PDB file of all heavy atoms in Angstrom:
ATOM      1  N   VAL A   1       5.940   5.762   9.035  1.00  0.00           N
ATOM      2  CA  VAL A   1       6.826   5.887  10.300  1.00  0.00           C
ATOM      3  C   VAL A   1       7.486   4.682  10.659  1.00  0.00           C
ATOM      4  O   VAL A   1       6.915   3.607  10.791  1.00  0.00           O
ATOM      5  CB  VAL A   1       5.742   6.325  11.490  1.00  0.00           C
ATOM      6  CG1 VAL A   1       6.464   6.351  12.755  1.00  0.00           C
ATOM      7  CG2 VAL A   1       5.159   7.660  11.208  1.00  0.00           C
ATOM      8  N   PRO A   2       8.803   4.730  11.050  1.00  0.00           N
ATOM      9  CA  PRO A   2       9.634   3.679  11.489  1.00  0.00           C
ATOM     10  C   PRO A   2       9.240   3.264  12.881  1.00  0.00           C
ATOM     11  O   PRO A   2       8.873   4.177  13.721  1.00  0.00           O
ATOM     12  CB  PRO A   2      11.066   4.121  11.441  1.00  0.00           C
ATOM     13  CG  PRO A   2      11.054   5.658  11.581  1.00  0.00           C
ATOM     14  CD  PRO A   2       9.695   6.054  10.858  1.00  0.00           C
ATOM     15  N   VAL A   3       9.229   2.061  13.210  1.00  0.00           N
ATOM     16  CA  VAL A   3       8.802   1.563  14.485  1.00  0.00           C
ATOM     17  C   VAL A   3       9.940   0.759  15.076  1.00  0.00           C
ATOM     18  O   VAL A   3      10.430  -0.151  14.495  1.00  0.00           O
ATOM     19  CB  VAL A   3       7.473   0.702  14.398  1.00  0.00           C
ATOM     20  CG1 VAL A   3       7.189   0.200  15.768  1.00  0.00           C
ATOM     21  CG2 VAL A   3       6.371   1.448  13.820  1.00  0.00           C
ATOM     22  N   GLU A   4      10.278   1.025  16.429  1.00  0.00           N
ATOM     23  CA  GLU A   4      11.316   0.173  17.050  1.00  0.00           C
ATOM     24  C   GLU A   4      10.595  -0.890  17.839  1.00  0.00           C
ATOM     25  O   GLU A   4       9.682  -0.671  18.648  1.00  0.00           O
ATOM     26  CB  GLU A   4      12.121   1.002  18.001  1.00  0.00           C
ATOM     27  CG  GLU A   4      13.233   0.141  18.725  1.00  0.00           C
ATOM     28  CD  GLU A   4      14.077   1.170  19.612  1.00  0.00           C
ATOM     29  OE1 GLU A   4      13.898   2.404  19.581  1.00  0.00           O
ATOM     30  OE2 GLU A   4      15.080   0.583  20.100  1.00  0.00           O
ATOM     31  N   GLU A   5      10.882  -2.201  17.616  1.00  0.00           N
ATOM     32  CA  GLU A   5      10.327  -3.297  18.307  1.00  0.00           C
ATOM     33  C   GLU A   5      11.388  -4.088  19.080  1.00  0.00           C
ATOM     34  O   GLU A   5      12.581  -3.965  18.763  1.00  0.00           O
ATOM     35  CB  GLU A   5       9.625  -4.109  17.279  1.00  0.00           C
ATOM     36  CG  GLU A   5       8.494  -3.450  16.493  1.00  0.00           C
ATOM     37  CD  GLU A   5       7.849  -4.267  15.368  1.00  0.00           C
ATOM     38  OE1 GLU A   5       8.748  -4.917  14.597  1.00  0.00           O
ATOM     39  OE2 GLU A   5       6.619  -4.487  15.295  1.00  0.00           O
ATOM     40  N   ARG A   6      10.828  -4.970  19.934  1.00  0.00           N
ATOM     41  CA  ARG A   6      11.826  -5.928  20.557  1.00  0.00           C
ATOM     42  C   ARG A   6      11.246  -7.387  20.309  1.00  0.00           C
ATOM     43  O   ARG A   6      10.076  -7.667  20.476  1.00  0.00           O
ATOM     44  CB  ARG A   6      11.955  -5.609  22.032  1.00  0.00           C
ATOM     45  CG  ARG A   6      12.590  -4.355  22.291  1.00  0.00           C
ATOM     46  CD  ARG A   6      12.893  -4.197  23.836  1.00  0.00           C
ATOM     47  NE  ARG A   6      13.557  -2.919  24.011  1.00  0.00           N
ATOM     48  CZ  ARG A   6      14.944  -2.832  23.953  1.00  0.00           C
ATOM     49  NH1 ARG A   6      15.664  -3.784  23.498  1.00  0.00           N
ATOM     50  NH2 ARG A   6      15.433  -1.586  24.052  1.00  0.00           N
ATOM     51  N   ASP A   7      12.185  -8.221  19.893  1.00  0.00           N
ATOM     52  CA  ASP A   7      11.775  -9.624  19.716  1.00  0.00           C
ATOM     53  C   ASP A   7      11.564 -10.348  21.002  1.00  0.00           C
ATOM     54  O   ASP A   7      11.772  -9.780  22.069  1.00  0.00           O
ATOM     55  CB  ASP A   7      12.732 -10.331  18.827  1.00  0.00           C
ATOM     56  CG  ASP A   7      14.196 -10.250  19.324  1.00  0.00           C
ATOM     57  OD1 ASP A   7      14.400 -10.216  20.540  1.00  0.00           O
ATOM     58  OD2 ASP A   7      15.128 -10.466  18.453  1.00  0.00           O
ATOM     59  N   GLU A   8      11.370 -11.707  20.968  1.00  0.00           N
ATOM     60  CA  GLU A   8      11.150 -12.529  22.138  1.00  0.00           C
ATOM     61  C   GLU A   8      12.478 -12.568  22.969  1.00  0.00           C
ATOM     62  O   GLU A   8      12.303 -12.717  24.307  1.00  0.00           O
ATOM     63  CB  GLU A   8      10.694 -13.905  21.758  1.00  0.00           C
ATOM     64  CG  GLU A   8       9.259 -14.003  21.046  1.00  0.00           C
ATOM     65  CD  GLU A   8       9.076 -15.229  20.642  1.00  0.00           C
ATOM     66  OE1 GLU A   8       9.886 -16.191  20.837  1.00  0.00           O
ATOM     67  OE2 GLU A   8       7.939 -15.541  20.089  1.00  0.00           O
ATOM     68  N   SER A   9      13.595 -12.296  22.475  1.00  0.00           N
ATOM     69  CA  SER A   9      14.749 -12.301  23.276  1.00  0.00           C
ATOM     70  C   SER A   9      15.121 -10.965  23.828  1.00  0.00           C
ATOM     71  O   SER A   9      16.118 -10.781  24.556  1.00  0.00           O
ATOM     72  CB  SER A   9      15.974 -12.707  22.372  1.00  0.00           C
ATOM     73  OG  SER A   9      15.699 -14.098  21.875  1.00  0.00           O
ATOM     74  N   GLY A  10      14.294  -9.983  23.521  1.00  0.00           N
ATOM     75  CA  GLY A  10      14.561  -8.567  24.059  1.00  0.00           C
ATOM     76  C   GLY A  10      15.488  -7.793  23.118  1.00  0.00           C
ATOM     77  O   GLY A  10      15.777  -6.593  23.603  1.00  0.00           O
ATOM     78  N   HIS A  11      15.768  -8.255  21.943  1.00  0.00           N
ATOM     79  CA  HIS A  11      16.628  -7.499  21.164  1.00  0.00           C
ATOM     80  C   HIS A  11      15.861  -6.519  20.230  1.00  0.00           C
ATOM     81  O   HIS A  11      14.763  -6.853  19.793  1.00  0.00           O
ATOM     82  CB  HIS A  11      17.446  -8.426  20.148  1.00  0.00           C
ATOM     83  CG  HIS A  11      18.300  -9.469  20.926  1.00  0.00           C
ATOM     84  ND1 HIS A  11      19.340  -9.100  21.702  1.00  0.00           N
ATOM     85  CD2 HIS A  11      18.201 -10.829  20.968  1.00  0.00           C
ATOM     86  CE1 HIS A  11      19.905 -10.055  22.250  1.00  0.00           C
ATOM     87  NE2 HIS A  11      19.227 -11.210  21.769  1.00  0.00           N
ATOM     88  N   GLY A  12      16.380  -5.322  20.144  1.00  0.00           N
ATOM     89  CA  GLY A  12      15.704  -4.261  19.434  1.00  0.00           C
ATOM     90  C   GLY A  12      15.811  -4.436  17.906  1.00  0.00           C
ATOM     91  O   GLY A  12      16.843  -4.953  17.425  1.00  0.00           O
ATOM     92  N   ARG A  13      14.881  -3.976  17.196  1.00  0.00           N
ATOM     93  CA  ARG A  13      14.836  -4.083  15.754  1.00  0.00           C
ATOM     94  C   ARG A  13      13.871  -2.988  15.203  1.00  0.00           C
ATOM     95  O   ARG A  13      12.968  -2.484  15.911  1.00  0.00           O
ATOM     96  CB  ARG A  13      14.433  -5.441  15.238  1.00  0.00           C
ATOM     97  CG  ARG A  13      13.013  -5.805  15.535  1.00  0.00           C
ATOM     98  CD  ARG A  13      12.638  -7.230  15.075  1.00  0.00           C
ATOM     99  NE  ARG A  13      11.226  -7.576  15.439  1.00  0.00           N
ATOM    100  CZ  ARG A  13      10.716  -8.808  15.293  1.00  0.00           C
ATOM    101  NH1 ARG A  13      11.445  -9.847  14.715  1.00  0.00           N
ATOM    102  NH2 ARG A  13       9.445  -9.020  15.555  1.00  0.00           N
ATOM    103  N   MET A  14      14.138  -2.580  13.978  1.00  0.00           N
ATOM    104  CA  MET A  14      13.368  -1.526  13.261  1.00  0.00           C
ATOM    105  C   MET A  14      12.457  -2.155  12.349  1.00  0.00           C
ATOM    106  O   MET A  14      12.917  -3.050  11.593  1.00  0.00           O
ATOM    107  CB  MET A  14      14.243  -0.415  12.783  1.00  0.00           C
ATOM    108  CG  MET A  14      15.120   0.308  13.783  1.00  0.00           C
ATOM    109  SD  MET A  14      14.217   1.168  15.065  1.00  0.00           S
ATOM    110  CE  MET A  14      13.437   2.437  14.013  1.00  0.00           C
ATOM    111  N   SER A  15      11.321  -1.654  12.144  1.00  0.00           N
ATOM    112  CA  SER A  15      10.384  -1.995  11.114  1.00  0.00           C
ATOM    113  C   SER A  15       9.771  -0.788  10.559  1.00  0.00           C
ATOM    114  O   SER A  15       9.755   0.252  11.060  1.00  0.00           O
ATOM    115  CB  SER A  15       9.391  -3.053  11.621  1.00  0.00           C
ATOM    116  OG  SER A  15       8.559  -2.386  12.512  1.00  0.00           O
ATOM    117  N   GLY A  16       9.000  -0.966   9.391  1.00  0.00           N
ATOM    118  CA  GLY A  16       8.373   0.121   8.840  1.00  0.00           C
ATOM    119  C   GLY A  16       9.324   1.126   8.098  1.00  0.00           C
ATOM    120  O   GLY A  16      10.377   0.694   7.562  1.00  0.00           O
ATOM    121  N   GLY A  17       9.058   2.374   8.109  1.00  0.00           N
ATOM    122  CA  GLY A  17       9.885   3.318   7.520  1.00  0.00           C
ATOM    123  C   GLY A  17       9.452   3.647   6.008  1.00  0.00           C
ATOM    124  O   GLY A  17       8.524   3.139   5.579  1.00  0.00           O
ATOM    125  N   GLN A  18      10.235   4.435   5.432  1.00  0.00           N
ATOM    126  CA  GLN A  18      10.046   4.855   4.113  1.00  0.00           C
ATOM    127  C   GLN A  18       9.935   3.745   3.023  1.00  0.00           C
ATOM    128  O   GLN A  18       9.246   3.909   2.025  1.00  0.00           O
ATOM    129  CB  GLN A  18      11.068   5.899   3.537  1.00  0.00           C
ATOM    130  CG  GLN A  18      10.953   7.241   4.322  1.00  0.00           C
ATOM    131  CD  GLN A  18       9.667   7.979   4.185  1.00  0.00           C
ATOM    132  OE1 GLN A  18       9.233   8.019   3.104  1.00  0.00           O
ATOM    133  NE2 GLN A  18       9.169   8.509   5.144  1.00  0.00           N
ATOM    134  N   LYS A  19      10.719   2.666   3.293  1.00  0.00           N
ATOM    135  CA  LYS A  19      10.657   1.578   2.421  1.00  0.00           C
ATOM    136  C   LYS A  19       9.419   0.636   2.613  1.00  0.00           C
ATOM    137  O   LYS A  19       9.234  -0.333   1.790  1.00  0.00           O
ATOM    138  CB  LYS A  19      11.904   0.727   2.482  1.00  0.00           C
ATOM    139  CG  LYS A  19      13.228   1.547   2.125  1.00  0.00           C
ATOM    140  CD  LYS A  19      14.383   0.727   2.192  1.00  0.00           C
ATOM    141  CE  LYS A  19      15.730   1.515   1.861  1.00  0.00           C
ATOM    142  NZ  LYS A  19      16.953   0.660   1.989  1.00  0.00           N
ATOM    143  N   SER A  20       8.690   0.854   3.515  1.00  0.00           N
ATOM    144  CA  SER A  20       7.548   0.030   3.817  1.00  0.00           C
ATOM    145  C   SER A  20       6.399   0.148   2.644  1.00  0.00           C
ATOM    146  O   SER A  20       6.120   1.207   2.358  1.00  0.00           O
ATOM    147  CB  SER A  20       6.967   0.337   5.152  1.00  0.00           C
ATOM    148  OG  SER A  20       5.700  -0.383   5.427  1.00  0.00           O
ATOM    149  N   THR A  21       6.048  -0.964   2.221  1.00  0.00           N
ATOM    150  CA  THR A  21       4.940  -0.889   1.132  1.00  0.00           C
ATOM    151  C   THR A  21       3.628  -1.490   1.638  1.00  0.00           C
ATOM    152  O   THR A  21       2.708  -1.544   0.763  1.00  0.00           O
ATOM    153  CB  THR A  21       5.550  -1.607  -0.099  1.00  0.00           C
ATOM    154  OG1 THR A  21       5.828  -2.896   0.192  1.00  0.00           O
ATOM    155  CG2 THR A  21       6.737  -0.859  -0.643  1.00  0.00           C
ATOM    156  N   ARG A  22       3.663  -2.204   2.761  1.00  0.00           N
ATOM    157  CA  ARG A  22       2.308  -2.726   3.159  1.00  0.00           C
ATOM    158  C   ARG A  22       2.205  -2.843   4.629  1.00  0.00           C
ATOM    159  O   ARG A  22       3.194  -2.818   5.414  1.00  0.00           O
ATOM    160  CB  ARG A  22       2.208  -4.197   2.629  1.00  0.00           C
ATOM    161  CG  ARG A  22       3.224  -5.113   3.059  1.00  0.00           C
ATOM    162  CD  ARG A  22       3.093  -6.543   2.536  1.00  0.00           C
ATOM    163  NE  ARG A  22       1.777  -7.099   2.812  1.00  0.00           N
ATOM    164  CZ  ARG A  22       1.222  -8.024   2.047  1.00  0.00           C
ATOM    165  NH1 ARG A  22       1.730  -8.530   0.997  1.00  0.00           N
ATOM    166  NH2 ARG A  22      -0.011  -8.572   2.501  1.00  0.00           N
ATOM    167  N   GLY A  23       0.962  -2.898   5.165  1.00  0.00           N
ATOM    168  CA  GLY A  23       0.809  -2.933   6.580  1.00  0.00           C
ATOM    169  C   GLY A  23       0.711  -1.475   7.202  1.00  0.00           C
ATOM    170  O   GLY A  23       1.146  -0.557   6.665  1.00  0.00           O
ATOM    171  N   THR A  24       0.321  -1.460   8.557  1.00  0.00           N
ATOM    172  CA  THR A  24       0.295  -0.295   9.258  1.00  0.00           C
ATOM    173  C   THR A  24       1.230  -0.466  10.478  1.00  0.00           C
ATOM    174  O   THR A  24       1.284  -1.478  11.078  1.00  0.00           O
ATOM    175  CB  THR A  24      -1.087   0.060   9.835  1.00  0.00           C
ATOM    176  OG1 THR A  24      -1.539  -1.018  10.602  1.00  0.00           O
ATOM    177  CG2 THR A  24      -1.991   0.275   8.582  1.00  0.00           C
ATOM    178  N   PRO A  25       1.856   0.603  10.936  1.00  0.00           N
ATOM    179  CA  PRO A  25       2.768   0.446  12.121  1.00  0.00           C
ATOM    180  C   PRO A  25       2.088   0.025  13.297  1.00  0.00           C
ATOM    181  O   PRO A  25       1.051   0.476  13.705  1.00  0.00           O
ATOM    182  CB  PRO A  25       3.370   1.919  12.277  1.00  0.00           C
ATOM    183  CG  PRO A  25       3.059   2.616  11.013  1.00  0.00           C
ATOM    184  CD  PRO A  25       1.775   2.016  10.418  1.00  0.00           C
ATOM    185  N   GLN A  26       2.663  -1.054  13.931  1.00  0.00           N
ATOM    186  CA  GLN A  26       2.117  -1.737  15.180  1.00  0.00           C
ATOM    187  C   GLN A  26       2.143  -0.471  16.246  1.00  0.00           C
ATOM    188  O   GLN A  26       3.181   0.034  16.520  1.00  0.00           O
ATOM    189  CB  GLN A  26       2.898  -2.805  15.698  1.00  0.00           C
ATOM    190  CG  GLN A  26       2.355  -3.487  16.929  1.00  0.00           C
ATOM    191  CD  GLN A  26       1.140  -4.347  16.515  1.00  0.00           C
ATOM    192  OE1 GLN A  26       0.916  -4.680  15.379  1.00  0.00           O
ATOM    193  NE2 GLN A  26       0.296  -4.444  17.595  1.00  0.00           N
ATOM    194  N   GLY A  27       1.000  -0.211  16.807  1.00  0.00           N
ATOM    195  CA  GLY A  27       0.945   0.778  17.937  1.00  0.00           C
ATOM    196  C   GLY A  27       0.713   2.115  17.256  1.00  0.00           C
ATOM    197  O   GLY A  27       0.671   3.156  18.139  1.00  0.00           O
ATOM    198  N   GLY A  28       0.618   2.323  15.885  1.00  0.00           N
ATOM    199  CA  GLY A  28       0.501   3.670  15.376  1.00  0.00           C
ATOM    200  C   GLY A  28      -0.911   4.209  15.705  1.00  0.00           C
ATOM    201  O   GLY A  28      -1.908   3.564  15.984  1.00  0.00           O
ATOM    202  N   VAL A  29      -0.812   5.519  15.810  1.00  0.00           N
ATOM    203  CA  VAL A  29      -2.098   6.285  16.161  1.00  0.00           C
ATOM    204  C   VAL A  29      -3.215   5.925  15.172  1.00  0.00           C
ATOM    205  O   VAL A  29      -4.384   5.672  15.608  1.00  0.00           O
ATOM    206  CB  VAL A  29      -1.767   7.776  16.128  1.00  0.00           C
ATOM    207  CG1 VAL A  29      -3.169   8.582  16.408  1.00  0.00           C
ATOM    208  CG2 VAL A  29      -0.775   8.174  17.156  1.00  0.00           C
ATOM    209  N   ILE A  30      -2.978   5.875  13.912  1.00  0.00           N
ATOM    210  CA  ILE A  30      -4.010   5.714  12.839  1.00  0.00           C
ATOM    211  C   ILE A  30      -4.277   4.265  12.576  1.00  0.00           C
ATOM    212  O   ILE A  30      -5.216   3.918  11.872  1.00  0.00           O
ATOM    213  CB  ILE A  30      -3.685   6.448  11.560  1.00  0.00           C
ATOM    214  CG1 ILE A  30      -4.853   6.807  10.765  1.00  0.00           C
ATOM    215  CG2 ILE A  30      -2.508   5.756  10.790  1.00  0.00           C
ATOM    216  CD1 ILE A  30      -5.736   7.706  11.347  1.00  0.00           C
ATOM    217  N   SER A  31      -3.414   3.342  13.029  1.00  0.00           N
ATOM    218  CA  SER A  31      -3.362   1.961  12.617  1.00  0.00           C
ATOM    219  C   SER A  31      -4.758   1.239  12.903  1.00  0.00           C
ATOM    220  O   SER A  31      -5.373   0.591  12.034  1.00  0.00           O
ATOM    221  CB  SER A  31      -2.246   1.121  13.180  1.00  0.00           C
ATOM    222  OG  SER A  31      -1.025   1.599  12.840  1.00  0.00           O
ATOM    223  N   PRO A  32      -5.397   1.414  14.041  1.00  0.00           N
ATOM    224  CA  PRO A  32      -6.650   0.713  14.320  1.00  0.00           C
ATOM    225  C   PRO A  32      -7.768   1.111  13.308  1.00  0.00           C
ATOM    226  O   PRO A  32      -8.542   0.325  12.808  1.00  0.00           O
ATOM    227  CB  PRO A  32      -7.034   1.051  15.770  1.00  0.00           C
ATOM    228  CG  PRO A  32      -5.640   1.439  16.315  1.00  0.00           C
ATOM    229  CD  PRO A  32      -4.869   2.000  15.340  1.00  0.00           C
ATOM    230  N   LEU A  33      -7.766   2.485  13.078  1.00  0.00           N
ATOM    231  CA  LEU A  33      -8.860   3.006  12.215  1.00  0.00           C
ATOM    232  C   LEU A  33      -8.619   2.478  10.747  1.00  0.00           C
ATOM    233  O   LEU A  33      -9.580   2.103  10.167  1.00  0.00           O
ATOM    234  CB  LEU A  33      -8.820   4.561  12.195  1.00  0.00           C
ATOM    235  CG  LEU A  33      -9.790   5.158  11.247  1.00  0.00           C
ATOM    236  CD1 LEU A  33     -11.190   4.918  11.674  1.00  0.00           C
ATOM    237  CD2 LEU A  33      -9.542   6.694  11.321  1.00  0.00           C
ATOM    238  N   LEU A  34      -7.326   2.498  10.365  1.00  0.00           N
ATOM    239  CA  LEU A  34      -7.177   1.966   8.982  1.00  0.00           C
ATOM    240  C   LEU A  34      -7.404   0.522   8.819  1.00  0.00           C
ATOM    241  O   LEU A  34      -7.883   0.026   7.818  1.00  0.00           O
ATOM    242  CB  LEU A  34      -5.724   2.314   8.519  1.00  0.00           C
ATOM    243  CG  LEU A  34      -5.372   3.759   8.401  1.00  0.00           C
ATOM    244  CD1 LEU A  34      -3.825   3.919   8.107  1.00  0.00           C
ATOM    245  CD2 LEU A  34      -6.181   4.501   7.404  1.00  0.00           C
ATOM    246  N   ALA A  35      -7.133  -0.283  10.018  1.00  0.00           N
ATOM    247  CA  ALA A  35      -7.285  -1.708   9.844  1.00  0.00           C
ATOM    248  C   ALA A  35      -8.776  -1.949   9.826  1.00  0.00           C
ATOM    249  O   ALA A  35      -9.176  -2.821   8.969  1.00  0.00           O
ATOM    250  CB  ALA A  35      -6.631  -2.418  11.083  1.00  0.00           C
ATOM    251  N   ASN A  36      -9.659  -1.262  10.553  1.00  0.00           N
ATOM    252  CA  ASN A  36     -11.048  -1.366  10.541  1.00  0.00           C
ATOM    253  C   ASN A  36     -11.563  -0.935   9.032  1.00  0.00           C
ATOM    254  O   ASN A  36     -12.511  -1.700   8.561  1.00  0.00           O
ATOM    255  CB  ASN A  36     -11.755  -0.608  11.541  1.00  0.00           C
ATOM    256  CG  ASN A  36     -11.819  -1.265  12.884  1.00  0.00           C
ATOM    257  OD1 ASN A  36     -12.335  -2.369  12.980  1.00  0.00           O
ATOM    258  ND2 ASN A  36     -11.264  -0.639  13.871  1.00  0.00           N
ATOM    259  N   LEU A  37     -11.003   0.057   8.447  1.00  0.00           N
ATOM    260  CA  LEU A  37     -11.550   0.479   7.210  1.00  0.00           C
ATOM    261  C   LEU A  37     -11.239  -0.501   6.164  1.00  0.00           C
ATOM    262  O   LEU A  37     -12.088  -0.889   5.271  1.00  0.00           O
ATOM    263  CB  LEU A  37     -10.814   1.802   6.856  1.00  0.00           C
ATOM    264  CG  LEU A  37     -11.182   2.493   5.532  1.00  0.00           C
ATOM    265  CD1 LEU A  37     -12.628   2.872   5.624  1.00  0.00           C
ATOM    266  CD2 LEU A  37     -10.311   3.715   5.303  1.00  0.00           C
TER     267      LEU A  37
END
């Protein structure tokens, strides 16, 4: 899932998405469970 984030300056940026190969989306529904696993 692509995630829209904002940096310290308040500018928007996209992370994750189909090209993502590692990590779980910040704030994702399943992320805490997968991180614990």
